[in-house]
Amino acid sequence: MAVQNDLDSPEGRTFVHFAEKVAEYSGGDLTIRLYPNEQLGKSEAVLEQLTMGAVQLYATGSVFMQKYVPEIRWISAPFMMDDRDHWVRFSHTPLVQSWYKRAEEESGIGILGDLTGVLRGPYRVMLSDVPVNSLEDVKGIRLRMYSDQTAIEIWQTLGAEIRVLGWAETYEAISRGIVDGVTAPISVVEGSKFYEVAPYILRTDEFYQSIAFMMNQEQFDALPEKDQEALLKAHADAAAFSFEAIMTHTETAVAELEAKGATYTEIDLAPFVGAAQALYETWDENGTLPEGFLEAIETTRAK
């Protein structure tokens, strides 16, 4: 099982909990061997290993499955959702579920359990080596970004200069002045130590997300039913564990980061949302958005 983060982080402890529960529920028939910190390569390489069956599980954001179905890039549309519950309802729509079904048919990669079950976040921040207190301050910041065109274009619209880099390369890239900052879930900031080189932390609530347990579907289907059930039960346990671990961590994370010299800021994000909305309107007009996307967003808003 390939994972991106350190096993001491809240996310990492969730993966360890999953591995322990798989061993317990399968009666020792299954063993999960964890490879943290991108030891098996960056996302592109791990997805290839997953399709070939060299890796059985890969835990990260499902947005990387856009490689197989481009519409999946919109699962994490920045500055579009009202709150996490809105995002969960949207993710469970037939439209979104059809994207992942097509991805499974195209690549052989399925999703273990509920796509939205394992918490990531619970909110996102931008870390930078200079203060950011307004949308104006974003202009010209060289921002590390993952390989996702939606996020890239949104942040370019907000004024940032984008550099696509691997997660494990980010700390050094900031320390060497290659980039000025990075976006991340608040839960991984302390473990990644990004605050050491980018001590200004701005809460962005950019989008809501989960950690998808992507799996080689053929290998899962070949398991005895009892072992399939063990994996699904362990995933459900890991989902519950993730909420407890991450929410507990978040309660003290900001204070601990500030004690280490970081500066945490919350601002009015309306200008960010407005600038992003203008781009979504352009995308709607030129046919870039998937058919039914805006309708699914609207119909899943809380009434």
Protein backbone atom coordinates (compact mmCIF):
# COMPACT_ATOMS: atom_id res chain seq x y z
CA MET A 1 0.00 0.00 0.00
CA ALA A 2 1.59 3.23 -1.18
CA VAL A 3 0.92 6.45 0.74
CA GLN A 4 2.31 9.97 0.36
CA ASN A 5 2.73 11.07 3.96
CA ASP A 6 4.67 10.19 7.07
CA LEU A 7 3.11 7.47 9.21
CA ASP A 8 3.34 9.69 12.31
CA SER A 9 0.87 12.18 10.83
CA PRO A 10 -2.88 11.86 11.50
CA GLU A 11 -3.30 10.46 7.99
CA GLY A 12 -0.39 8.08 8.55
CA ARG A 13 -1.90 6.82 11.79
CA THR A 14 -5.11 6.18 9.88
CA PHE A 15 -3.23 3.95 7.43
CA VAL A 16 -1.54 2.08 10.28
CA HIS A 17 -4.96 1.57 11.90
CA PHE A 18 -6.30 0.23 8.60
CA ALA A 19 -3.42 -2.22 8.28
CA GLU A 20 -3.94 -3.47 11.84
CA LYS A 21 -7.67 -3.96 11.30
CA VAL A 22 -7.12 -5.81 8.01
CA ALA A 23 -4.88 -8.30 9.82
CA GLU A 24 -7.43 -8.64 12.62
CA TYR A 25 -10.54 -9.00 10.45
CA SER A 26 -8.91 -11.38 7.98
CA GLY A 27 -7.64 -13.62 10.78
CA GLY A 28 -4.09 -13.02 9.62
CA ASP A 29 -4.78 -14.03 6.01
CA LEU A 30 -4.00 -10.53 4.72
CA THR A 31 -1.06 -8.32 5.57
CA ILE A 32 -0.84 -4.67 4.54
CA ARG A 33 2.72 -3.46 4.02
CA LEU A 34 2.84 0.35 4.06
CA TYR A 35 5.25 2.41 1.95
CA PRO A 36 5.05 6.06 3.14
CA ASN A 37 6.61 9.29 1.85
CA GLU A 38 6.35 8.38 -1.85
CA GLN A 39 8.87 5.55 -1.44
CA LEU A 40 7.37 3.77 -4.43
CA GLY A 41 7.37 6.87 -6.61
CA LYS A 42 5.17 9.81 -7.44
CA SER A 43 1.50 9.45 -8.32
CA GLU A 44 2.01 8.72 -12.01
CA ALA A 45 4.42 5.87 -11.27
CA VAL A 46 2.30 4.40 -8.46
CA LEU A 47 -0.84 4.41 -10.60
CA GLU A 48 1.06 2.40 -13.22
CA GLN A 49 2.15 -0.06 -10.54
CA LEU A 50 -1.44 -0.25 -9.37
CA THR A 51 -2.78 -1.09 -12.82
CA MET A 52 -0.13 -3.82 -13.19
CA GLY A 53 -0.85 -5.26 -9.75
CA ALA A 54 2.64 -4.60 -8.36
CA VAL A 55 0.90 -2.37 -5.80
CA GLN A 56 -2.51 -3.40 -4.51
CA LEU A 57 -3.57 -0.16 -2.75
CA TYR A 58 -2.75 3.52 -3.13
CA ALA A 59 -4.16 6.00 -0.61
CA THR A 60 -4.36 9.61 -1.79
CA GLY A 61 -6.74 12.05 -3.42
CA SER A 62 -8.80 10.41 -6.17
CA VAL A 63 -8.27 13.46 -8.40
CA PHE A 64 -5.24 11.64 -9.84
CA MET A 65 -7.64 9.23 -11.56
CA GLN A 66 -8.39 11.99 -14.04
CA LYS A 67 -5.59 10.33 -15.99
CA TYR A 68 -8.21 7.78 -17.06
CA VAL A 69 -11.39 9.91 -17.00
CA PRO A 70 -10.68 13.65 -17.40
CA GLU A 71 -13.96 14.66 -15.73
CA ILE A 72 -12.58 13.45 -12.38
CA ARG A 73 -10.50 16.65 -12.25
CA TRP A 74 -13.73 18.41 -11.18
CA ILE A 75 -14.17 16.36 -7.99
CA SER A 76 -12.01 18.92 -6.19
CA ALA A 77 -13.22 22.05 -7.96
CA PRO A 78 -11.73 24.91 -5.89
CA PHE A 79 -13.97 27.50 -4.23
CA MET A 80 -17.14 25.81 -5.46
CA MET A 81 -18.65 23.98 -2.47
CA ASP A 82 -20.56 25.52 0.46
CA ASP A 83 -19.11 23.07 2.99
CA ARG A 84 -17.94 19.47 3.34
CA ASP A 85 -21.48 18.06 3.51
CA HIS A 86 -22.22 19.73 0.18
CA TRP A 87 -19.13 18.10 -1.32
CA VAL A 88 -20.10 14.67 0.05
CA ARG A 89 -23.60 14.92 -1.46
CA PHE A 90 -22.11 16.01 -4.78
CA SER A 91 -19.60 13.11 -4.72
CA HIS A 92 -22.42 10.60 -4.30
CA THR A 93 -24.43 11.82 -7.28
CA PRO A 94 -24.90 9.43 -10.22
CA LEU A 95 -22.86 11.85 -12.35
CA VAL A 96 -19.75 11.64 -10.19
CA GLN A 97 -20.13 7.93 -9.49
CA SER A 98 -20.28 7.32 -13.25
CA TRP A 99 -16.86 8.97 -13.65
CA TYR A 100 -15.27 6.49 -11.25
CA LYS A 101 -17.04 3.54 -12.83
CA ARG A 102 -15.63 4.54 -16.20
CA ALA A 103 -12.18 4.95 -14.64
CA GLU A 104 -12.40 1.44 -13.23
CA GLU A 105 -13.37 0.05 -16.63
CA GLU A 106 -10.54 1.99 -18.30
CA SER A 107 -7.74 1.28 -15.83
CA GLY A 108 -8.76 -1.62 -13.62
CA ILE A 109 -8.49 0.68 -10.57
CA GLY A 110 -11.47 0.67 -8.23
CA ILE A 111 -12.21 2.48 -4.97
CA LEU A 112 -12.34 0.54 -1.71
CA GLY A 113 -15.41 1.48 0.33
CA ASP A 114 -16.94 4.94 0.39
CA LEU A 115 -15.01 7.44 -1.74
CA THR A 116 -15.65 10.20 0.82
CA GLY A 117 -15.21 8.05 3.93
CA VAL A 118 -11.61 8.74 5.01
CA LEU A 119 -11.17 12.38 5.99
CA ARG A 120 -8.44 14.60 4.61
CA GLY A 121 -8.11 18.09 5.97
CA PRO A 122 -10.52 18.90 7.49
CA TYR A 123 -9.70 22.14 5.68
CA ARG A 124 -6.98 23.38 3.37
CA VAL A 125 -4.40 26.10 3.85
CA MET A 126 -1.76 27.88 1.81
CA LEU A 127 1.71 28.08 3.33
CA SER A 128 4.09 30.74 2.04
CA ASP A 129 7.40 32.36 2.88
CA VAL A 130 5.78 35.81 2.69
CA PRO A 131 2.55 37.00 4.37
CA VAL A 132 -0.69 36.61 2.41
CA ASN A 133 -3.51 38.68 3.87
CA SER A 134 -5.57 39.37 0.75
CA LEU A 135 -6.16 38.21 -2.80
CA GLU A 136 -3.80 40.95 -3.95
CA ASP A 137 -0.97 39.30 -2.00
CA VAL A 138 -1.34 36.10 -4.05
CA LYS A 139 -0.18 37.84 -7.21
CA GLY A 140 3.27 36.71 -8.24
CA ILE A 141 3.63 34.00 -5.60
CA ARG A 142 5.35 30.93 -7.04
CA LEU A 143 3.10 28.14 -5.81
CA ARG A 144 3.84 24.43 -5.81
CA MET A 145 0.92 22.55 -7.32
CA TYR A 146 0.09 18.93 -8.05
CA SER A 147 -0.71 17.83 -11.59
CA ASP A 148 -4.34 18.96 -11.81
CA GLN A 149 -5.37 21.42 -14.49
CA THR A 150 -8.41 22.73 -12.62
CA ALA A 151 -6.39 23.73 -9.56
CA ILE A 152 -3.59 25.10 -11.73
CA GLU A 153 -5.89 27.36 -13.74
CA ILE A 154 -7.82 28.54 -10.67
CA TRP A 155 -4.65 29.59 -8.85
CA GLN A 156 -3.27 31.19 -12.00
CA THR A 157 -6.50 33.19 -12.20
CA LEU A 158 -5.96 34.25 -8.59
CA GLY A 159 -2.53 35.55 -9.59
CA ALA A 160 -0.10 32.81 -8.59
CA GLU A 161 2.72 31.45 -10.73
CA ILE A 162 2.45 27.67 -10.74
CA ARG A 163 5.23 25.08 -10.51
CA VAL A 164 4.17 21.41 -10.68
CA LEU A 165 6.33 19.39 -8.27
CA GLY A 166 6.12 16.13 -6.38
CA TRP A 167 4.98 16.32 -2.76
CA ALA A 168 8.28 14.98 -1.42
CA GLU A 169 10.22 17.65 -3.36
CA THR A 170 8.27 20.57 -1.93
CA TYR A 171 10.19 21.31 1.28
CA GLU A 172 13.51 21.58 -0.52
CA ALA A 173 11.95 23.58 -3.35
CA ILE A 174 10.71 26.20 -0.89
CA SER A 175 13.97 26.25 1.07
CA ARG A 176 15.95 26.78 -2.16
CA GLY A 177 13.64 29.52 -3.41
CA ILE A 178 12.30 27.53 -6.36
CA VAL A 179 8.77 28.13 -5.07
CA ASP A 180 7.37 30.44 -2.42
CA GLY A 181 4.56 28.29 -1.11
CA VAL A 182 2.29 25.27 -1.25
CA THR A 183 -1.35 24.37 -0.61
CA ALA A 184 -2.08 21.48 1.73
CA PRO A 185 -4.53 19.99 4.22
CA ILE A 186 -3.95 21.49 7.66
CA SER A 187 -3.52 17.99 9.11
CA VAL A 188 -0.25 17.35 7.25
CA VAL A 189 1.42 20.72 7.85
CA GLU A 190 3.19 19.77 11.07
CA GLY A 191 4.37 16.38 9.83
CA SER A 192 5.65 17.79 6.54
CA LYS A 193 7.49 20.59 8.41
CA PHE A 194 6.59 23.01 5.62
CA TYR A 195 6.03 25.67 8.28
CA GLU A 196 9.81 25.75 8.83
CA VAL A 197 10.39 27.22 5.37
CA ALA A 198 6.93 28.71 4.72
CA PRO A 199 5.77 30.01 8.12
CA TYR A 200 2.79 32.06 6.93
CA ILE A 201 -0.34 29.89 6.96
CA LEU A 202 -3.57 31.13 5.36
CA ARG A 203 -6.78 29.14 5.74
CA THR A 204 -8.31 28.85 2.26
CA ASP A 205 -11.12 26.27 2.52
CA GLU A 206 -10.16 25.79 -1.12
CA PHE A 207 -12.03 22.53 -1.50
CA TYR A 208 -13.07 19.52 0.55
CA GLN A 209 -11.53 16.12 0.07
CA SER A 210 -11.05 12.59 1.24
CA ILE A 211 -8.34 9.99 0.95
CA ALA A 212 -9.41 7.46 -1.64
CA PHE A 213 -8.15 3.91 -1.16
CA MET A 214 -7.57 3.12 -4.82
CA MET A 215 -7.10 -0.58 -5.47
CA ASN A 216 -6.36 -3.08 -8.17
CA GLN A 217 -9.93 -4.22 -8.78
CA GLU A 218 -9.05 -7.57 -10.35
CA GLN A 219 -6.91 -8.57 -7.39
CA PHE A 220 -9.63 -7.49 -4.97
CA ASP A 221 -12.26 -9.48 -6.89
CA ALA A 222 -10.00 -12.56 -6.80
CA LEU A 223 -9.91 -12.58 -2.99
CA PRO A 224 -12.20 -14.88 -0.99
CA GLU A 225 -15.39 -13.11 0.02
CA LYS A 226 -14.40 -13.12 3.68
CA ASP A 227 -11.18 -11.25 2.87
CA GLN A 228 -13.03 -8.74 0.71
CA GLU A 229 -15.35 -8.15 3.66
CA ALA A 230 -12.33 -7.78 5.96
CA LEU A 231 -10.90 -5.04 3.74
CA LEU A 232 -14.23 -3.22 3.54
CA LYS A 233 -14.78 -3.46 7.29
CA ALA A 234 -11.24 -2.25 7.98
CA HIS A 235 -11.80 0.67 5.61
CA ALA A 236 -14.98 1.65 7.45
CA ASP A 237 -13.05 1.51 10.74
CA ALA A 238 -10.25 3.60 9.24
CA ALA A 239 -12.81 6.17 8.08
CA ALA A 240 -14.15 6.58 11.62
CA PHE A 241 -10.60 6.66 12.99
CA SER A 242 -9.59 9.36 10.50
CA PHE A 243 -12.30 11.75 11.67
CA GLU A 244 -11.31 11.30 15.32
CA ALA A 245 -7.57 11.56 14.63
CA ILE A 246 -7.73 14.55 12.30
CA MET A 247 -10.33 16.54 14.20
CA THR A 248 -8.46 15.99 17.49
CA HIS A 249 -5.21 17.00 15.84
CA THR A 250 -6.76 20.11 14.30
CA GLU A 251 -8.03 21.33 17.66
CA THR A 252 -4.45 21.90 18.81
CA ALA A 253 -2.56 22.10 15.49
CA VAL A 254 -2.80 25.85 14.98
CA ALA A 255 -1.62 26.67 18.51
CA GLU A 256 1.26 24.23 18.20
CA LEU A 257 2.31 25.66 14.84
CA GLU A 258 2.19 29.20 16.20
CA ALA A 259 4.31 28.10 19.14
CA LYS A 260 6.89 26.94 16.62
CA GLY A 261 6.97 30.34 14.94
CA ALA A 262 4.27 30.04 12.30
CA THR A 263 1.69 32.76 11.68
CA TYR A 264 -1.89 31.56 11.11
CA THR A 265 -4.39 33.83 9.36
CA GLU A 266 -8.09 33.68 8.43
CA ILE A 267 -9.49 36.28 6.04
CA ASP A 268 -12.65 37.01 4.05
CA LEU A 269 -12.43 34.58 1.12
CA ALA A 270 -15.21 36.24 -0.90
CA PRO A 271 -12.71 37.83 -3.36
CA PHE A 272 -11.16 34.39 -3.97
CA VAL A 273 -14.59 32.83 -4.56
CA GLY A 274 -15.62 35.69 -6.85
CA ALA A 275 -12.48 35.44 -8.99
CA ALA A 276 -12.89 31.66 -9.25
CA GLN A 277 -16.59 31.99 -10.11
CA ALA A 278 -15.74 34.23 -13.06
CA LEU A 279 -13.50 31.47 -14.42
CA TYR A 280 -16.22 28.84 -13.92
CA GLU A 281 -18.62 31.03 -15.90
CA THR A 282 -16.08 31.19 -18.73
CA TRP A 283 -15.62 27.44 -18.59
CA ASP A 284 -19.39 26.98 -18.73
CA GLU A 285 -19.70 29.24 -21.75
CA ASN A 286 -16.91 27.57 -23.72
CA GLY A 287 -17.99 24.01 -22.92
CA THR A 288 -15.05 23.12 -20.67
CA LEU A 289 -17.24 21.99 -17.75
CA PRO A 290 -18.64 18.45 -17.90
CA GLU A 291 -22.27 18.17 -18.90
CA GLY A 292 -24.45 18.16 -15.78
CA PHE A 293 -21.68 19.46 -13.49
CA LEU A 294 -23.24 22.77 -12.50
CA GLU A 295 -26.66 21.14 -12.16
CA ALA A 296 -25.19 18.54 -9.78
CA ILE A 297 -23.56 21.31 -7.75
CA GLU A 298 -26.83 23.22 -7.45
CA THR A 299 -29.12 20.27 -6.72
CA THR A 300 -26.87 19.10 -3.87
CA ARG A 301 -26.78 22.44 -2.07
CA ALA A 302 -28.54 22.48 1.31
CA LYS A 303 -32.06 23.83 0.98
